[in-house]
Protein backbone atom coordinates (compact mmCIF):
# COMPACT_ATOMS: atom_id res chain seq x y z
CA MET A 1 -1.47 -24.72 -9.16
CA ASP A 2 -3.87 -21.49 -9.47
CA VAL A 3 -7.33 -22.89 -10.62
CA ARG A 4 -7.41 -20.25 -13.55
CA HIS A 5 -4.28 -21.72 -14.69
CA HIS A 6 -6.26 -25.22 -15.36
CA LEU A 7 -8.85 -23.12 -16.79
CA ARG A 8 -6.84 -21.22 -18.91
CA ARG A 9 -5.27 -24.03 -20.20
CA ALA A 10 -8.19 -26.41 -21.21
CA LEU A 11 -10.07 -23.26 -22.69
CA HIS A 12 -6.70 -22.21 -25.17
CA ALA A 13 -6.56 -26.58 -25.97
CA HIS A 14 -10.50 -25.68 -26.76
CA LEU A 15 -10.29 -22.95 -28.67
CA ALA A 16 -7.31 -23.95 -30.82
CA ALA A 17 -9.22 -27.33 -31.85
CA ALA A 18 -12.17 -24.33 -32.97
CA GLY A 19 -8.71 -23.17 -34.97
CA VAL A 20 -8.66 -19.55 -32.89
CA ASP A 21 -5.05 -18.52 -31.46
CA LEU A 22 -5.65 -17.07 -28.67
CA GLY A 23 -2.68 -17.85 -25.32
CA PRO A 24 -3.77 -18.57 -22.24
CA ASP A 25 -2.63 -15.27 -20.40
CA GLU A 26 -4.79 -13.70 -23.20
CA ILE A 27 -8.12 -15.39 -21.78
CA ALA A 28 -9.80 -13.32 -19.00
CA LEU A 29 -11.22 -14.70 -16.06
CA GLU A 30 -13.31 -13.17 -13.42
CA ARG A 31 -15.47 -13.63 -10.40
CA PRO A 32 -19.43 -13.78 -11.53
CA ARG A 33 -20.74 -10.74 -9.38
CA ASN A 34 -23.53 -12.89 -8.84
CA ARG A 35 -21.77 -15.93 -7.16
CA ALA A 36 -25.28 -18.27 -7.41
CA HIS A 37 -23.66 -18.12 -11.73
CA GLY A 38 -20.25 -20.30 -10.42
CA ASP A 39 -16.78 -19.07 -9.10
CA TRP A 40 -15.37 -18.27 -12.59
CA SER A 41 -16.33 -16.68 -15.73
CA THR A 42 -14.89 -16.06 -18.59
CA ASN A 43 -16.05 -13.95 -21.51
CA VAL A 44 -13.90 -15.64 -24.16
CA ALA A 45 -16.20 -16.73 -26.63
CA LEU A 46 -17.57 -13.24 -27.14
CA ALA A 47 -13.82 -12.09 -27.82
CA ALA A 48 -13.03 -15.15 -30.17
CA ALA A 49 -16.33 -15.25 -31.89
CA GLY A 50 -15.33 -13.50 -34.94
CA ARG A 51 -11.90 -15.56 -35.26
CA ALA A 52 -13.89 -18.80 -35.03
CA GLY A 53 -17.14 -17.90 -37.39
CA ARG A 54 -19.65 -18.82 -34.77
CA ALA A 55 -21.75 -16.67 -32.85
CA PRO A 56 -20.90 -15.59 -29.57
CA ARG A 57 -23.68 -17.95 -27.58
CA GLU A 58 -22.76 -20.49 -30.06
CA LEU A 59 -19.40 -20.44 -29.14
CA ALA A 60 -19.85 -20.57 -25.74
CA GLU A 61 -21.96 -23.81 -26.16
CA GLU A 62 -19.47 -25.43 -27.60
CA LEU A 63 -17.02 -24.66 -25.35
CA ALA A 64 -19.02 -25.25 -22.08
CA ALA A 65 -19.93 -28.97 -23.99
CA ALA A 66 -16.65 -29.73 -24.34
CA LEU A 67 -15.46 -28.40 -21.01
CA THR A 68 -18.15 -30.72 -19.40
CA ALA A 69 -17.12 -34.20 -21.51
CA ASP A 70 -13.60 -33.00 -20.61
CA PRO A 71 -13.68 -31.08 -17.05
CA PRO A 72 -10.71 -29.65 -16.38
CA PRO A 73 -9.12 -30.38 -12.41
CA HIS A 74 -11.16 -29.32 -10.02
CA VAL A 75 -14.66 -28.22 -12.07
CA SER A 76 -17.71 -29.59 -11.00
CA ALA A 77 -19.44 -27.63 -14.02
CA VAL A 78 -19.69 -25.81 -17.15
CA GLU A 79 -22.27 -23.19 -18.30
CA ALA A 80 -22.68 -20.88 -21.15
CA ALA A 81 -24.58 -17.98 -20.22
CA GLY A 82 -26.13 -14.71 -21.47
CA ALA A 83 -24.75 -13.56 -24.64
CA GLY A 84 -21.38 -15.58 -24.29
CA PHE A 85 -20.20 -16.08 -21.34
CA VAL A 86 -18.82 -19.74 -20.02
CA ASN A 87 -19.40 -20.02 -16.34
CA PHE A 88 -17.42 -22.55 -13.80
CA ARG A 89 -18.62 -24.19 -10.54
CA LEU A 90 -15.69 -25.67 -8.57
CA ALA A 91 -15.50 -28.71 -6.43
CA PRO A 92 -14.34 -27.85 -2.84
CA SER A 93 -10.88 -29.60 -3.94
CA TRP A 94 -9.34 -26.35 -5.13
CA LEU A 95 -9.68 -24.32 -1.69
CA HIS A 96 -7.62 -27.57 -0.67
CA GLU A 97 -5.28 -26.80 -3.35
CA VAL A 98 -5.17 -22.90 -1.89
CA LEU A 99 -4.63 -24.63 2.04
CA ARG A 100 -1.59 -26.50 0.40
CA GLU A 101 -0.08 -23.55 -1.63
CA ALA A 102 -0.21 -21.00 1.46
CA VAL A 103 1.22 -23.55 3.83
CA ALA A 104 3.76 -24.54 1.26
CA ALA A 105 4.40 -21.30 0.64
CA GLY A 106 4.46 -19.60 4.22
CA THR A 107 4.74 -16.14 5.15
CA ALA A 108 7.94 -15.36 3.35
CA GLY A 109 5.94 -16.66 -0.28
CA TYR A 110 2.60 -16.63 -0.07
CA ALA A 111 1.06 -13.94 -2.59
CA ARG A 112 4.91 -12.88 -3.84
CA SER A 113 5.03 -12.56 -7.21
CA ALA A 114 7.47 -11.28 -9.61
CA LYS A 115 5.82 -8.98 -11.64
CA GLY A 116 8.23 -6.31 -10.81
CA SER A 117 11.48 -8.21 -11.24
CA GLY A 118 14.68 -6.78 -11.82
CA LEU A 119 12.94 -3.30 -11.36
CA THR A 120 13.60 -0.29 -8.82
CA ALA A 121 11.00 1.46 -7.56
CA SER A 122 11.92 4.81 -5.98
CA VAL A 123 9.38 5.86 -3.75
CA GLU A 124 9.30 9.55 -1.84
CA PHE A 125 7.08 10.37 0.75
CA VAL A 126 6.68 12.56 4.08
CA SER A 127 9.66 15.02 2.98
CA ALA A 128 8.21 17.52 5.28
CA ASN A 129 10.02 20.60 5.75
CA PRO A 130 12.50 20.24 8.60
CA THR A 131 10.42 23.24 10.90
CA GLY A 132 8.67 21.23 13.25
CA PRO A 133 6.99 18.10 13.88
CA LEU A 134 5.14 15.50 11.80
CA HIS A 135 1.04 16.62 11.80
CA ALA A 136 -1.38 13.99 10.93
CA GLY A 137 -1.07 14.81 7.35
CA HIS A 138 2.05 13.86 7.21
CA GLY A 139 1.06 10.19 9.36
CA ARG A 140 -1.37 9.37 6.90
CA TRP A 141 1.47 9.78 3.93
CA ALA A 142 3.98 7.68 6.00
CA ALA A 143 1.55 4.55 6.76
CA TYR A 144 0.64 4.67 3.19
CA GLY A 145 4.06 4.99 1.30
CA ASP A 146 5.39 2.73 3.97
CA SER A 147 2.63 0.61 3.48
CA LEU A 148 3.06 0.74 -0.59
CA CYS A 149 6.58 -0.15 -0.79
CA ARG A 150 6.09 -3.05 1.23
CA ILE A 151 3.03 -3.67 -1.76
CA LEU A 152 5.73 -3.04 -4.31
CA GLN A 153 8.73 -5.89 -2.52
CA ARG A 154 6.17 -8.73 -2.59
CA GLY A 155 5.31 -7.76 -6.14
CA GLY A 156 9.53 -8.36 -6.65
CA TYR A 157 10.50 -5.03 -6.72
CA LEU A 158 13.24 -3.30 -5.53
CA VAL A 159 12.47 -0.44 -3.75
CA VAL A 160 14.66 3.17 -2.37
CA ARG A 161 12.26 4.57 0.02
CA GLU A 162 13.62 8.29 0.03
CA PHE A 163 12.47 11.09 2.07
CA TYR A 164 13.47 14.81 0.33
CA VAL A 165 14.58 17.46 3.19
CA ASN A 166 13.38 20.92 2.07
CA ASP A 167 16.40 22.53 4.39
CA ARG A 168 17.24 25.62 2.14
CA GLY A 169 15.64 29.05 1.53
CA ARG A 170 13.01 31.12 2.95
CA GLN A 171 11.12 28.63 5.32
CA THR A 172 13.88 27.16 7.31
CA GLU A 173 15.54 30.86 7.42
CA LEU A 174 12.23 32.08 9.32
CA PHE A 175 12.34 28.69 11.51
CA GLY A 176 16.08 29.91 12.75
CA ALA A 177 14.63 33.54 12.97
CA SER A 178 11.45 32.21 15.19
CA LEU A 179 13.91 30.17 17.50
CA ALA A 180 16.23 32.70 17.93
CA ALA A 181 13.43 35.33 19.04
CA ARG A 182 11.81 32.74 21.43
CA ARG A 183 14.88 32.37 22.78
CA ARG A 184 15.04 35.37 23.70
CA GLY A 185 12.19 35.74 24.81
CA GLU A 186 10.16 38.05 21.63
CA ALA A 187 7.39 37.12 19.87
CA PRO A 188 8.80 35.53 16.41
CA PRO A 189 9.27 37.21 13.28
CA GLU A 190 5.88 38.16 10.47
CA ASP A 191 5.35 35.18 8.81
CA GLY A 192 7.40 33.07 11.38
CA TYR A 193 6.63 30.02 13.25
CA ALA A 194 4.35 30.64 16.18
CA GLY A 195 3.69 27.26 17.81
CA ALA A 196 4.21 26.53 20.96
CA TYR A 197 7.04 23.89 19.99
CA VAL A 198 9.56 26.42 18.70
CA ALA A 199 9.58 27.92 22.29
CA ASP A 200 10.41 24.27 23.79
CA TRP A 201 12.90 23.49 21.10
CA ALA A 202 13.94 27.33 21.62
CA ALA A 203 14.64 26.41 25.27
CA GLU A 204 16.73 23.16 24.23
CA MET A 205 18.69 25.35 22.16
CA PRO A 206 22.57 25.41 23.50
CA ASP A 207 24.04 29.09 23.74
CA GLY A 208 26.11 30.15 20.43
CA ALA A 209 23.80 27.71 18.41
CA ASP A 210 23.04 28.88 15.08
CA PRO A 211 19.43 28.87 14.97
CA ARG A 212 18.50 27.64 11.59
CA ALA A 213 21.50 25.00 11.20
CA TRP A 214 20.27 23.91 14.94
CA GLY A 215 16.60 23.80 13.98
CA VAL A 216 16.80 21.98 11.05
CA GLU A 217 18.58 19.58 12.95
CA ARG A 218 16.34 19.20 15.54
CA ALA A 219 13.29 18.98 13.52
CA ARG A 220 14.55 16.49 11.23
CA ARG A 221 15.33 14.77 14.60
CA ASP A 222 12.16 14.51 15.83
CA GLN A 223 10.42 13.75 12.80
CA ARG A 224 12.86 10.66 12.45
CA ASP A 225 11.83 9.34 15.84
CA THR A 226 8.17 9.91 15.33
CA LEU A 227 8.32 7.99 11.96
CA ALA A 228 10.55 5.14 13.62
CA SER A 229 7.68 5.46 16.39
CA MET A 230 5.44 4.05 13.51
CA ASN A 231 7.71 1.52 12.09
CA VAL A 232 8.77 3.59 9.18
CA ALA A 233 12.14 3.74 8.26
CA PHE A 234 13.54 5.54 5.24
CA ASP A 235 16.05 3.92 3.05
CA ARG A 236 17.91 7.82 1.42
CA TRP A 237 17.96 10.60 2.89
CA THR A 238 18.28 13.99 0.27
CA SER A 239 19.19 17.63 1.82
CA GLU A 240 18.36 19.84 -0.53
CA GLN A 241 21.11 22.25 0.55
CA GLU A 242 23.61 19.21 -0.04
CA LEU A 243 22.11 18.80 -3.45
CA VAL A 244 22.92 22.25 -4.39
CA ASP A 245 26.18 22.42 -2.57
CA ARG A 246 28.26 19.66 -4.74
CA GLY A 247 26.61 21.36 -7.80
CA ALA A 248 24.00 18.91 -9.16
CA MET A 249 21.54 22.12 -9.52
CA ASP A 250 24.09 23.69 -11.66
CA ALA A 251 24.26 20.74 -13.84
CA VAL A 252 21.11 19.87 -14.59
CA LEU A 253 20.83 23.96 -15.69
CA ALA A 254 23.40 23.68 -17.58
CA GLU A 255 21.92 20.51 -18.94
CA LEU A 256 18.80 21.78 -19.93
CA GLY A 257 20.34 24.89 -21.37
CA ARG A 258 22.28 22.48 -23.68
CA ARG A 259 18.84 21.08 -25.01
CA SER A 260 17.62 24.65 -25.71
CA LEU A 261 15.02 24.15 -22.78
CA THR A 262 15.68 27.58 -21.60
CA TYR A 263 15.42 30.83 -21.85
CA GLU A 264 15.70 34.25 -20.10
CA ARG A 265 12.99 37.00 -20.03
CA ASP A 266 12.76 40.36 -17.44
CA GLY A 267 16.00 39.18 -16.14
CA ALA A 268 14.88 35.34 -15.11
CA VAL A 269 15.74 32.03 -16.43
CA TRP A 270 12.31 30.19 -17.42
CA LEU A 271 12.23 26.38 -18.57
CA ARG A 272 9.78 25.76 -21.80
CA THR A 273 7.50 23.35 -19.99
CA SER A 274 4.54 24.45 -22.37
CA ASP A 275 6.32 22.65 -24.99
CA LEU A 276 6.36 19.59 -22.93
CA GLY A 277 3.00 19.47 -21.91
CA ASP A 278 2.48 21.55 -19.20
CA ASN A 279 0.09 24.70 -18.74
CA GLN A 280 2.76 27.03 -19.27
CA ASP A 281 6.08 27.90 -19.09
CA ARG A 282 8.02 27.52 -15.45
CA VAL A 283 10.58 30.28 -13.30
CA LEU A 284 14.08 28.25 -12.75
CA VAL A 285 16.07 30.87 -11.62
CA LYS A 286 14.77 34.39 -10.27
CA SER A 287 15.56 37.72 -11.32
CA ASP A 288 17.45 38.41 -8.72
CA GLY A 289 19.79 35.34 -9.08
CA GLU A 290 18.17 33.28 -6.98
CA PRO A 291 16.84 29.27 -8.04
CA THR A 292 13.14 28.84 -7.34
CA TYR A 293 12.45 25.39 -5.06
CA PHE A 294 11.51 24.13 -8.80
CA LEU A 295 15.52 24.05 -10.25
CA PRO A 296 16.74 21.76 -7.13
CA ASP A 297 13.42 19.62 -7.34
CA ILE A 298 14.52 19.01 -11.29
CA ALA A 299 18.11 18.34 -10.35
CA TYR A 300 16.94 15.30 -7.47
CA HIS A 301 14.53 13.88 -9.91
CA HIS A 302 17.02 13.86 -12.34
CA GLU A 303 19.19 11.92 -9.95
CA LYS A 304 16.04 9.61 -8.59
CA PHE A 305 15.56 8.59 -12.47
CA ALA A 306 19.08 7.52 -12.86
CA ARG A 307 18.89 4.95 -10.20
CA ALA A 308 15.33 3.75 -10.55
CA ASP A 309 12.56 2.26 -12.86
CA LEU A 310 9.80 3.56 -11.58
CA VAL A 311 9.75 6.95 -9.76
CA ILE A 312 6.85 7.84 -7.48
CA ASP A 313 6.21 10.63 -5.40
CA ILE A 314 4.07 10.89 -2.46
CA LEU A 315 2.21 13.99 -2.18
CA GLY A 316 -0.43 16.57 -0.14
CA ALA A 317 -3.02 17.63 -2.48
CA ASP A 318 -2.24 21.35 -2.49
CA HIS A 319 0.81 20.11 -4.84
CA HIS A 320 -2.06 19.22 -7.61
CA GLY A 321 -0.28 22.02 -9.60
CA TYR A 322 3.80 20.18 -9.42
CA VAL A 323 2.47 17.14 -11.41
CA GLY A 324 2.65 18.93 -14.83
CA ARG A 325 5.49 20.44 -14.50
CA MET A 326 7.95 17.80 -13.09
CA ARG A 327 6.50 15.26 -15.63
CA ALA A 328 7.27 18.17 -18.71
CA ALA A 329 11.13 18.96 -16.74
CA MET A 330 11.84 15.24 -17.15
CA SER A 331 10.46 14.65 -20.81
CA GLY A 332 12.61 17.65 -21.65
CA LEU A 333 15.64 15.73 -19.56
CA GLY A 334 14.97 12.33 -21.78
CA HIS A 335 13.50 10.48 -19.04
CA ASP A 336 9.90 8.45 -20.45
CA PRO A 337 7.04 10.59 -17.79
CA ASP A 338 5.18 7.80 -18.14
CA ARG A 339 7.68 6.07 -15.30
CA TYR A 340 6.80 9.20 -13.19
CA GLU A 341 3.87 9.18 -10.76
CA VAL A 342 2.44 11.30 -8.61
CA LEU A 343 0.15 10.69 -5.94
CA LEU A 344 -1.61 13.05 -4.08
CA GLY A 345 -2.98 12.28 -0.36
CA GLN A 346 -5.72 14.04 1.03
CA ASN A 347 -5.68 15.54 5.00
CA VAL A 348 -6.95 14.01 8.16
CA THR A 349 -9.36 15.39 10.80
CA LEU A 350 -9.42 13.89 14.24
CA VAL A 351 -12.88 13.60 16.73
CA GLN A 352 -13.29 12.56 19.82
CA ALA A 353 -16.56 13.04 21.92
CA GLY A 354 -18.15 14.09 18.57
CA GLU A 355 -15.66 17.10 18.60
CA GLU A 356 -13.11 18.04 16.23
CA VAL A 357 -9.93 18.00 18.92
CA ARG A 358 -6.24 19.53 18.60
CA LEU A 359 -4.23 17.05 20.68
CA SER A 360 -1.35 18.85 21.68
CA LYS A 361 -1.13 22.34 23.23
CA ARG A 362 2.42 22.39 23.00
CA ALA A 363 1.68 22.22 19.10
CA GLY A 364 -0.55 25.38 19.15
CA ALA A 365 -2.69 25.13 15.77
CA LEU A 366 -0.71 21.51 14.54
CA VAL A 367 -2.32 17.79 15.39
CA LEU A 368 0.70 16.02 15.57
CA VAL A 369 0.92 12.43 14.87
CA SER A 370 3.57 11.62 17.76
CA ASP A 371 -0.08 12.77 20.01
CA LEU A 372 -2.01 10.30 18.13
CA LEU A 373 0.48 7.62 18.30
CA ALA A 374 0.41 8.31 22.11
CA ALA A 375 -3.71 7.80 22.06
CA VAL A 376 -4.19 5.06 20.37
CA GLY A 377 -0.72 3.22 19.51
CA THR A 378 1.14 2.55 16.82
CA ASP A 379 -1.15 -0.57 15.05
CA VAL A 380 -4.05 1.22 15.38
CA THR A 381 -2.76 4.73 14.12
CA ARG A 382 -0.87 2.70 11.16
CA LEU A 383 -4.09 0.34 10.03
CA THR A 384 -6.56 3.58 10.79
CA TYR A 385 -4.98 5.65 8.52
CA LEU A 386 -5.42 2.89 5.46
CA LEU A 387 -8.95 1.94 5.82
CA GLN A 388 -10.00 4.47 3.10
CA SER A 389 -7.94 5.72 -0.42
CA ILE A 390 -5.03 8.05 0.29
CA ASP A 391 -6.95 10.47 -1.92
CA THR A 392 -10.29 10.88 -0.07
CA THR A 393 -10.23 13.07 2.91
CA GLN A 394 -10.04 10.98 6.27
CA THR A 395 -12.01 11.85 9.80
CA ILE A 396 -10.52 9.71 12.34
CA ASP A 397 -12.60 8.97 15.41
CA ILE A 398 -10.28 8.39 18.69
CA ASP A 399 -13.05 6.96 20.70
CA ALA A 400 -14.08 4.30 18.08
CA ALA A 401 -10.22 3.56 17.02
CA SER A 402 -9.28 2.81 20.82
CA ALA A 403 -12.16 0.69 21.23
CA ARG A 404 -11.71 -3.18 21.95
CA SER A 405 -14.83 -4.33 20.05
CA SER A 406 -15.83 -6.12 16.48
CA GLU A 407 -16.79 -2.66 15.78
CA ASN A 408 -12.81 -1.45 15.60
CA PRO A 409 -11.27 -2.95 12.33
CA VAL A 410 -7.64 -2.81 13.65
CA TYR A 411 -8.96 -5.19 16.93
CA TYR A 412 -11.37 -7.24 14.93
CA VAL A 413 -7.91 -8.27 12.28
CA GLN A 414 -5.35 -8.82 15.16
CA TYR A 415 -7.85 -10.52 17.55
CA ALA A 416 -8.49 -13.26 14.29
CA HIS A 417 -4.78 -13.55 14.01
CA ALA A 418 -4.64 -13.98 18.39
CA ARG A 419 -7.41 -16.58 18.44
CA ILE A 420 -5.32 -18.55 15.95
CA HIS A 421 -2.15 -18.82 18.34
CA SER A 422 -4.36 -19.69 21.12
CA VAL A 423 -5.46 -22.66 19.03
CA GLY A 424 -1.94 -23.45 18.88
CA ARG A 425 -1.19 -23.12 22.98
CA ARG A 426 -4.62 -25.40 24.04
CA ALA A 427 -3.56 -28.45 21.49
CA GLU A 428 0.02 -27.94 22.59
CA ALA A 429 -1.30 -28.10 26.37
CA ARG A 430 -3.22 -31.24 25.48
CA GLY A 431 -0.67 -32.97 23.63
CA ILE A 432 -2.03 -32.75 20.33
CA ARG A 433 0.09 -32.37 17.16
CA ARG A 434 -1.11 -32.32 13.47
CA PRO A 435 0.20 -34.81 11.38
CA PRO A 436 2.15 -34.11 8.33
CA LEU A 437 -0.17 -32.63 5.86
CA GLU A 438 -0.02 -35.10 3.22
CA GLU A 439 -1.54 -37.23 5.44
CA VAL A 440 -4.23 -35.38 6.19
CA ASP A 441 -7.43 -35.91 4.10
CA LEU A 442 -8.47 -32.16 3.43
CA SER A 443 -11.85 -33.36 2.16
CA ALA A 444 -13.24 -33.67 5.76
CA LEU A 445 -13.43 -29.59 5.27
CA ALA A 446 -16.75 -29.73 3.93
CA HIS A 447 -18.48 -26.83 6.12
CA ARG A 448 -19.90 -23.73 4.55
CA ARG A 449 -17.35 -21.54 6.98
CA GLU A 450 -14.68 -23.70 6.37
CA ARG A 451 -14.94 -22.84 2.37
CA GLU A 452 -15.56 -19.09 3.87
CA VAL A 453 -12.24 -18.81 4.88
CA LEU A 454 -10.15 -20.72 2.17
CA ALA A 455 -12.14 -18.52 -0.38
CA ALA A 456 -10.75 -15.75 1.27
CA LEU A 457 -7.33 -16.82 1.46
CA ALA A 458 -7.54 -17.54 -2.07
CA GLU A 459 -8.08 -13.88 -2.91
CA LEU A 460 -4.95 -12.29 -1.61
CA PRO A 461 -2.32 -12.95 -4.37
CA ASP A 462 -5.30 -11.24 -6.51
CA ALA A 463 -5.50 -8.34 -3.83
CA VAL A 464 -1.92 -7.98 -3.60
CA LEU A 465 -1.16 -7.65 -7.05
CA GLY A 466 -4.45 -5.52 -7.12
CA ALA A 467 -2.85 -3.03 -4.71
CA MET A 468 0.07 -3.03 -6.04
CA SER A 469 -1.14 -1.94 -9.84
CA ALA A 470 -3.86 0.43 -8.24
CA ARG A 471 -1.37 2.26 -5.30
CA ALA A 472 -4.17 1.27 -3.24
CA PRO A 473 -2.91 -0.34 0.38
CA HIS A 474 -6.44 0.36 1.56
CA GLN A 475 -7.44 -3.22 -0.77
CA VAL A 476 -5.54 -5.19 1.42
CA CYS A 477 -6.72 -3.95 4.29
CA ALA A 478 -10.19 -4.58 3.23
CA TRP A 479 -8.56 -8.31 2.63
CA ALA A 480 -7.85 -8.51 5.97
CA ARG A 481 -10.59 -7.57 7.23
CA GLU A 482 -12.26 -10.42 4.59
CA LEU A 483 -10.41 -13.04 6.14
CA ALA A 484 -10.88 -12.28 9.73
CA GLY A 485 -14.20 -12.39 9.72
CA ALA A 486 -14.56 -15.51 7.42
CA PHE A 487 -11.97 -16.93 10.42
CA HIS A 488 -14.27 -15.53 13.44
CA ARG A 489 -17.68 -16.56 11.95
CA PHE A 490 -15.86 -20.34 11.00
CA TRP A 491 -14.30 -19.93 14.95
CA HIS A 492 -17.72 -19.90 16.40
CA ASP A 493 -19.32 -22.17 13.83
CA CYS A 494 -16.83 -25.26 13.99
CA PRO A 495 -15.35 -27.06 17.14
CA ILE A 496 -11.28 -27.33 16.00
CA LEU A 497 -10.56 -29.01 19.56
CA SER A 498 -13.65 -30.65 21.33
CA ASP A 499 -13.13 -34.14 22.61
CA ASP A 500 -16.17 -35.45 20.52
CA LEU A 501 -14.69 -34.31 17.01
CA ASP A 502 -13.34 -36.68 14.81
CA ALA A 503 -9.64 -36.80 14.58
CA GLY A 504 -9.60 -36.24 10.77
CA VAL A 505 -11.92 -33.62 10.98
CA ARG A 506 -9.97 -31.87 13.75
CA ASP A 507 -6.27 -32.50 12.15
CA ALA A 508 -8.07 -31.03 9.06
CA ARG A 509 -9.02 -27.75 10.63
CA LEU A 510 -5.83 -27.69 12.50
CA TRP A 511 -4.03 -26.87 9.32
CA LEU A 512 -6.61 -24.50 7.79
CA VAL A 513 -5.83 -22.15 11.48
CA GLU A 514 -2.03 -22.55 9.97
CA ALA A 515 -3.06 -22.08 6.44
CA ALA A 516 -5.53 -18.55 8.10
CA ARG A 517 -2.39 -17.66 9.63
CA VAL A 518 -0.33 -17.02 6.90
CA GLY A 519 -2.71 -15.08 5.05
CA LEU A 520 -3.09 -13.16 7.81
CA ALA A 521 0.06 -12.31 8.79
CA VAL A 522 1.22 -11.86 5.45
CA GLY A 523 -1.37 -9.28 5.02
CA LEU A 524 -0.12 -7.59 8.52
CA ASP A 525 2.85 -7.45 7.38
CA LEU A 526 1.74 -5.64 4.04
CA LEU A 527 0.22 -3.20 6.16
CA GLY A 528 3.25 -2.51 8.67
CA VAL A 529 0.94 -3.56 11.18
CA SER A 530 2.06 -6.24 14.02
CA ALA A 531 0.67 -9.84 14.48
CA PRO A 532 0.05 -10.39 18.22
CA GLU A 533 -0.57 -13.77 19.38
CA ARG A 534 -1.89 -12.45 22.38
CA MET A 535 -4.61 -9.97 23.16
CA VAL A 536 -6.45 -8.64 26.16
CA SER A 537 -9.81 -9.99 26.18
CA GLU A 538 -8.35 -13.10 24.64
CA GLU A 539 -10.34 -16.17 25.89
CA PRO A 540 -8.14 -18.62 27.97
């Protein structure tokens, strides 16, 4: 059981004795910023003083005295502090419970919660136009979106990964015309696609093929292959053209009309989005009868709301104005706009040797994800993208990302996992086997480096819940670096298989290593990064 459950139950009982009916789930516990103040702290005396008819400090002192006389499990000291805080200091035994919990739950169960149980989340990300390869920005959104989906799944959600294919309209027509022109050896049309990849693909195009249809499929295939190289797969691909062809767009336009949310002006059909929270009304059908991109998007999102409890879009920063209008449209169709989230991702700059680089001659001005993958590999690409919050601009130094040193966070984290497996190989080679955990005295884990590893491991469930709530995979990335650092320090300061090491200490440390393996494997999986058992430069 999480030690906080013990603390909350004890606080609840003593508050009830003081005449305060406060449920355990209502009692907040936080880590003190200054760890010298203890392991956990609560402001419950401040929150409950009025109902108890006492000053906050007085109530805090009463609680501290009562809990000192009858301490919850693993509590070594309780102190009143400040204007009305209660601080807890814990015995090392609470970390032993963390070890047991991690080992018992394993990689499948540790840090898993039921917060989203019974709920479906639709997460749309990347959704690049089918007019060319994926650029570096798309790669960032792919890593972020897939990791967010993994975190939501860890939190109990049923997740549907969605990719919307904008395969109709002027851009795909220009793309097809550009391919046809290149096939004839001519320059692309004005406002067409001039990247060198267009010429490469035009050379592949079979005689007699429809340039637009063939080009869209060629781009989609290239994008799917690149995403697969990033260990990213989608559950649902929705074609805008197919959505229009089966009447979904016309159906949603009719529904908006039935709700008196549309009107005609200057020959165009408008949506009354300003009545629904947007800053102005929006055109759905232009005066020439051609729908704007917004109308099929509304139809697509209307369908997503029908199959999901939570709808998340991950879009580029240039879609900032899109948020209000789509929330307004969904509200008009009777959906709860609070079930709709838009997360905006900033773009990426790549540098090498201190200079901004273009990694692909054939892509013209584009910086391709496929070339970054070729330069540094899948794991480095994904984890590097996830080092920062998605809403910040990012600069990736290719030389630093490729370095095999402790300065490289990707190498640093994966190396910790590889070291863990090296312990197992060495133990097996020497005929050493861990006894069953229930037979091991974990009180032998008295070194501060051992406590640091277990304290970091204890933070993973909260890190996952925090990352899920904030939609922030970089928080899991930060946690993985923290645990890796704690393990590397443990590795250097605490012998594990030394001949002169007490057998009880050795066995306890072997189980600590296993618990750390579980935590790192979970963290790396949430980031979509492999957990290697061996690495170059690994000690023998």
